[in-house]
Amino acid sequence: MALISTAAVKKCVTCEFWNGARVASPTGREVKYKLRPTDGDTGICSNGSSIKKGKPVRGGDSGCTKWTKWSSLK
């Protein structure tokens, strides 16, 4: 099962530094990602200044203070 999150929501899935599986909508206003860890909703945070750096985080996690909007989103 997949979830859709709007680009305005500060979650890991909408962050530039989250490297999990996701797809931006054609309009760039939404992002689609997997719901469960077994489906692949986990990605590694690559933000060097984040407390989550190098750690696996779920797409639905509520970002952090180092959140930056994913460049594929508007």
N, C-alpha and C. Protein backbone atom coordinates (compact mmCIF):
# COMPACT_ATOMS: atom_id res chain seq x y z
N MET A 1 0.84 -1.18 0.00
CA MET A 1 0.00 0.00 0.00
C MET A 1 0.89 1.25 0.00
N ALA A 2 0.42 2.28 -0.68
CA ALA A 2 1.20 3.52 -0.76
C ALA A 2 0.43 4.67 -0.13
N LEU A 3 1.19 5.64 0.33
CA LEU A 3 0.63 6.87 0.89
C LEU A 3 1.01 8.03 0.00
N ILE A 4 0.22 9.08 0.07
CA ILE A 4 0.54 10.30 -0.65
C ILE A 4 0.62 11.42 0.37
N SER A 5 1.69 12.17 0.32
CA SER A 5 1.90 13.29 1.23
C SER A 5 2.04 14.56 0.40
N THR A 6 1.48 15.65 0.88
CA THR A 6 1.63 16.91 0.15
C THR A 6 3.04 17.47 0.34
N ALA A 7 3.46 18.26 -0.60
CA ALA A 7 4.80 18.84 -0.57
C ALA A 7 4.98 19.79 0.60
N ALA A 8 3.89 20.33 1.12
CA ALA A 8 3.98 21.32 2.21
C ALA A 8 4.24 20.68 3.58
N VAL A 9 4.08 19.38 3.69
CA VAL A 9 4.25 18.69 4.97
C VAL A 9 5.72 18.37 5.20
N LYS A 10 6.23 18.73 6.35
CA LYS A 10 7.64 18.49 6.68
C LYS A 10 7.82 17.10 7.27
N LYS A 11 7.94 16.13 6.38
CA LYS A 11 8.22 14.74 6.76
C LYS A 11 9.51 14.33 6.07
N CYS A 12 10.09 13.26 6.53
CA CYS A 12 11.32 12.78 5.90
C CYS A 12 11.10 12.52 4.41
N VAL A 13 9.94 12.01 4.04
CA VAL A 13 9.67 11.69 2.64
C VAL A 13 9.69 12.93 1.73
N THR A 14 9.46 14.11 2.28
CA THR A 14 9.49 15.33 1.47
C THR A 14 10.81 16.08 1.62
N CYS A 15 11.78 15.47 2.28
CA CYS A 15 13.08 16.11 2.52
C CYS A 15 14.09 15.73 1.44
N GLU A 16 14.89 16.69 1.05
CA GLU A 16 15.94 16.49 0.04
C GLU A 16 16.93 15.39 0.46
N PHE A 17 17.16 15.21 1.74
CA PHE A 17 18.20 14.32 2.23
C PHE A 17 17.75 12.89 2.53
N TRP A 18 16.47 12.59 2.33
CA TRP A 18 15.95 11.23 2.57
C TRP A 18 16.10 10.43 1.29
N ASN A 19 16.72 9.25 1.35
CA ASN A 19 16.98 8.51 0.12
C ASN A 19 16.12 7.26 -0.05
N GLY A 20 14.96 7.21 0.56
CA GLY A 20 14.06 6.07 0.39
C GLY A 20 13.32 6.14 -0.94
N ALA A 21 12.58 5.08 -1.24
CA ALA A 21 11.81 5.00 -2.48
C ALA A 21 10.61 5.94 -2.42
N ARG A 22 10.50 6.81 -3.41
CA ARG A 22 9.40 7.76 -3.49
C ARG A 22 9.28 8.28 -4.92
N VAL A 23 8.11 8.81 -5.23
CA VAL A 23 7.87 9.34 -6.57
C VAL A 23 7.09 10.64 -6.42
N ALA A 24 7.59 11.70 -7.03
CA ALA A 24 6.88 12.98 -7.02
C ALA A 24 5.77 12.94 -8.06
N SER A 25 4.65 13.59 -7.76
CA SER A 25 3.56 13.67 -8.73
C SER A 25 3.99 14.54 -9.90
N PRO A 26 3.30 14.44 -11.03
CA PRO A 26 3.66 15.27 -12.19
C PRO A 26 3.60 16.77 -11.89
N THR A 27 2.75 17.18 -10.97
CA THR A 27 2.64 18.59 -10.61
C THR A 27 3.70 19.02 -9.61
N GLY A 28 4.33 18.06 -8.94
CA GLY A 28 5.34 18.38 -7.93
C GLY A 28 4.75 18.83 -6.61
N ARG A 29 3.46 18.61 -6.44
CA ARG A 29 2.79 19.04 -5.21
C ARG A 29 2.57 17.91 -4.21
N GLU A 30 2.84 16.68 -4.65
CA GLU A 30 2.64 15.51 -3.78
C GLU A 30 3.77 14.52 -4.01
N VAL A 31 3.95 13.66 -3.04
CA VAL A 31 4.94 12.59 -3.16
C VAL A 31 4.29 11.28 -2.70
N LYS A 32 4.53 10.22 -3.43
CA LYS A 32 3.96 8.91 -3.13
C LYS A 32 5.07 8.02 -2.59
N TYR A 33 4.76 7.31 -1.50
CA TYR A 33 5.77 6.43 -0.90
C TYR A 33 5.08 5.24 -0.25
N LYS A 34 5.86 4.25 0.13
CA LYS A 34 5.32 3.01 0.71
C LYS A 34 4.92 3.21 2.16
N LEU A 35 3.97 2.41 2.61
CA LEU A 35 3.42 2.55 3.96
C LEU A 35 4.17 1.77 5.03
N ARG A 36 4.63 0.57 4.70
CA ARG A 36 5.23 -0.30 5.72
C ARG A 36 6.73 -0.54 5.46
N PRO A 37 7.49 -0.76 6.53
CA PRO A 37 8.93 -1.05 6.36
C PRO A 37 9.17 -2.24 5.43
N THR A 38 8.28 -3.23 5.48
CA THR A 38 8.45 -4.40 4.62
C THR A 38 8.23 -4.05 3.16
N ASP A 39 7.56 -2.95 2.89
CA ASP A 39 7.34 -2.49 1.51
C ASP A 39 8.46 -1.57 1.04
N GLY A 40 9.34 -1.17 1.93
CA GLY A 40 10.46 -0.31 1.57
C GLY A 40 10.26 1.16 1.87
N ASP A 41 9.56 1.48 2.96
CA ASP A 41 9.33 2.90 3.27
C ASP A 41 10.47 3.52 4.06
N THR A 42 11.55 2.79 4.26
CA THR A 42 12.66 3.29 5.06
C THR A 42 13.80 3.75 4.16
N GLY A 43 14.39 4.90 4.51
CA GLY A 43 15.53 5.42 3.77
C GLY A 43 16.56 5.96 4.74
N ILE A 44 17.74 6.19 4.25
CA ILE A 44 18.83 6.71 5.08
C ILE A 44 18.88 8.24 4.94
N CYS A 45 19.03 8.91 6.05
CA CYS A 45 19.16 10.37 6.04
C CYS A 45 20.61 10.71 5.67
N SER A 46 20.78 11.58 4.68
CA SER A 46 22.14 11.93 4.24
C SER A 46 22.52 13.37 4.59
N ASN A 47 21.74 14.01 5.46
CA ASN A 47 22.06 15.37 5.87
C ASN A 47 23.16 15.32 6.93
N GLY A 48 24.32 15.83 6.61
CA GLY A 48 25.47 15.77 7.50
C GLY A 48 25.29 16.47 8.84
N SER A 49 24.34 17.40 8.93
CA SER A 49 24.16 18.12 10.19
C SER A 49 22.91 17.70 10.96
N SER A 50 22.24 16.66 10.49
CA SER A 50 21.03 16.17 11.15
C SER A 50 21.36 15.13 12.23
N ILE A 51 20.56 15.09 13.26
CA ILE A 51 20.75 14.05 14.28
C ILE A 51 20.39 12.67 13.73
N LYS A 52 19.70 12.63 12.58
CA LYS A 52 19.30 11.37 11.95
C LYS A 52 20.31 10.93 10.89
N LYS A 53 21.39 11.66 10.73
CA LYS A 53 22.40 11.38 9.70
C LYS A 53 22.85 9.92 9.73
N GLY A 54 22.78 9.29 8.56
CA GLY A 54 23.26 7.92 8.42
C GLY A 54 22.35 6.87 9.02
N LYS A 55 21.23 7.29 9.56
CA LYS A 55 20.32 6.35 10.21
C LYS A 55 19.13 6.05 9.31
N PRO A 56 18.58 4.83 9.41
CA PRO A 56 17.37 4.53 8.66
C PRO A 56 16.17 5.22 9.31
N VAL A 57 15.41 5.94 8.51
CA VAL A 57 14.21 6.62 9.01
C VAL A 57 13.06 6.33 8.07
N ARG A 58 11.86 6.24 8.63
CA ARG A 58 10.67 5.98 7.83
C ARG A 58 10.22 7.26 7.14
N GLY A 59 9.65 7.10 5.97
CA GLY A 59 9.19 8.25 5.19
C GLY A 59 8.20 9.12 5.93
N GLY A 60 7.36 8.51 6.75
CA GLY A 60 6.34 9.24 7.47
C GLY A 60 6.82 9.94 8.72
N ASP A 61 8.10 9.73 9.08
CA ASP A 61 8.63 10.41 10.27
C ASP A 61 8.54 11.92 10.07
N SER A 62 8.31 12.60 11.16
CA SER A 62 8.18 14.06 11.09
C SER A 62 9.55 14.71 11.02
N GLY A 63 10.10 14.90 9.89
CA GLY A 63 11.39 15.56 9.68
C GLY A 63 12.17 15.96 10.91
N CYS A 64 13.07 16.90 10.75
CA CYS A 64 13.86 17.42 11.85
C CYS A 64 14.13 18.89 11.59
N THR A 65 14.90 19.52 12.42
CA THR A 65 15.15 20.95 12.24
C THR A 65 16.04 21.23 11.03
N LYS A 66 16.60 20.21 10.43
CA LYS A 66 17.47 20.37 9.25
C LYS A 66 16.73 20.05 7.95
N TRP A 67 15.40 19.92 8.02
CA TRP A 67 14.58 19.57 6.86
C TRP A 67 14.74 20.59 5.74
N THR A 68 14.90 20.09 4.52
CA THR A 68 14.95 20.92 3.32
C THR A 68 14.04 20.27 2.29
N LYS A 69 13.16 21.05 1.68
CA LYS A 69 12.20 20.50 0.72
C LYS A 69 12.93 19.80 -0.43
N TRP A 70 12.46 18.61 -0.77
CA TRP A 70 13.00 17.81 -1.86
C TRP A 70 12.92 18.62 -3.16
N SER A 71 13.99 18.69 -3.90
CA SER A 71 14.06 19.53 -5.09
C SER A 71 13.08 19.12 -6.19
N SER A 72 12.53 17.92 -6.14
CA SER A 72 11.54 17.49 -7.12
C SER A 72 10.14 18.03 -6.82
N LEU A 73 9.99 18.66 -5.66
CA LEU A 73 8.69 19.21 -5.26
C LEU A 73 8.65 20.71 -5.45
N LYS A 74 7.42 21.21 -5.61
CA LYS A 74 7.23 22.67 -5.76
C LYS A 74 6.71 23.27 -4.49
